């Protein structure tokens, strides 16, 4: 009973809520696309409808997700130091600028739902466009997740040395070093 009470209390925490919604942007859209393609191949119209509705609902979770993410990060902004604070602010900007991608796939799925992917060439084109765009949205969501995680886990960051083909070790940021309750970033002195 205590665990259930703790869960109910956590449902008011923006940090927990944004973590609950985050998988919908990747897995919800991905499952919807897989289901839509499978339903199209077997010509199951009810399954197509369900998959398109799942894509729309999953893509539109971007609205509460960005709201709770911004609120959670604002509450915890004091924990971020220097470069990390700048990265968090850049990520928020990137999230807000990238929202149109989710609205776009939701609109495309809604048009496909209204037109019917099984109705002639226009429906086929809309269905194909929805499937291709859905894969793009899943890849974009994965990239956004990597960017989000690289704020807390510097070892996930790509450095300019890694991208340009320079030898490893030059300019690499080592993992966050934790000493007591303080968090500080350590820059590698290897050259």
Foldseek 3Di string as FASTA:
>chain_A
DVVVVVVVVCVVQLVVVLVVLLVLQAVQLVVLLVQLVVCVVVVPQVSNLVSLVSLLVSLVSLVSNLVSLVVNCVVVVVQDDDPLNVLSVVLSVVSVVPSVLSVVLNVLSVVLNVVPLPPPDVNVVSSVVSSVSSVVSNVVSVVSVLSVVCSQFVVSDDDVCNVVVHDPPPFRWHGWDDDPSHIDTDTGPGD
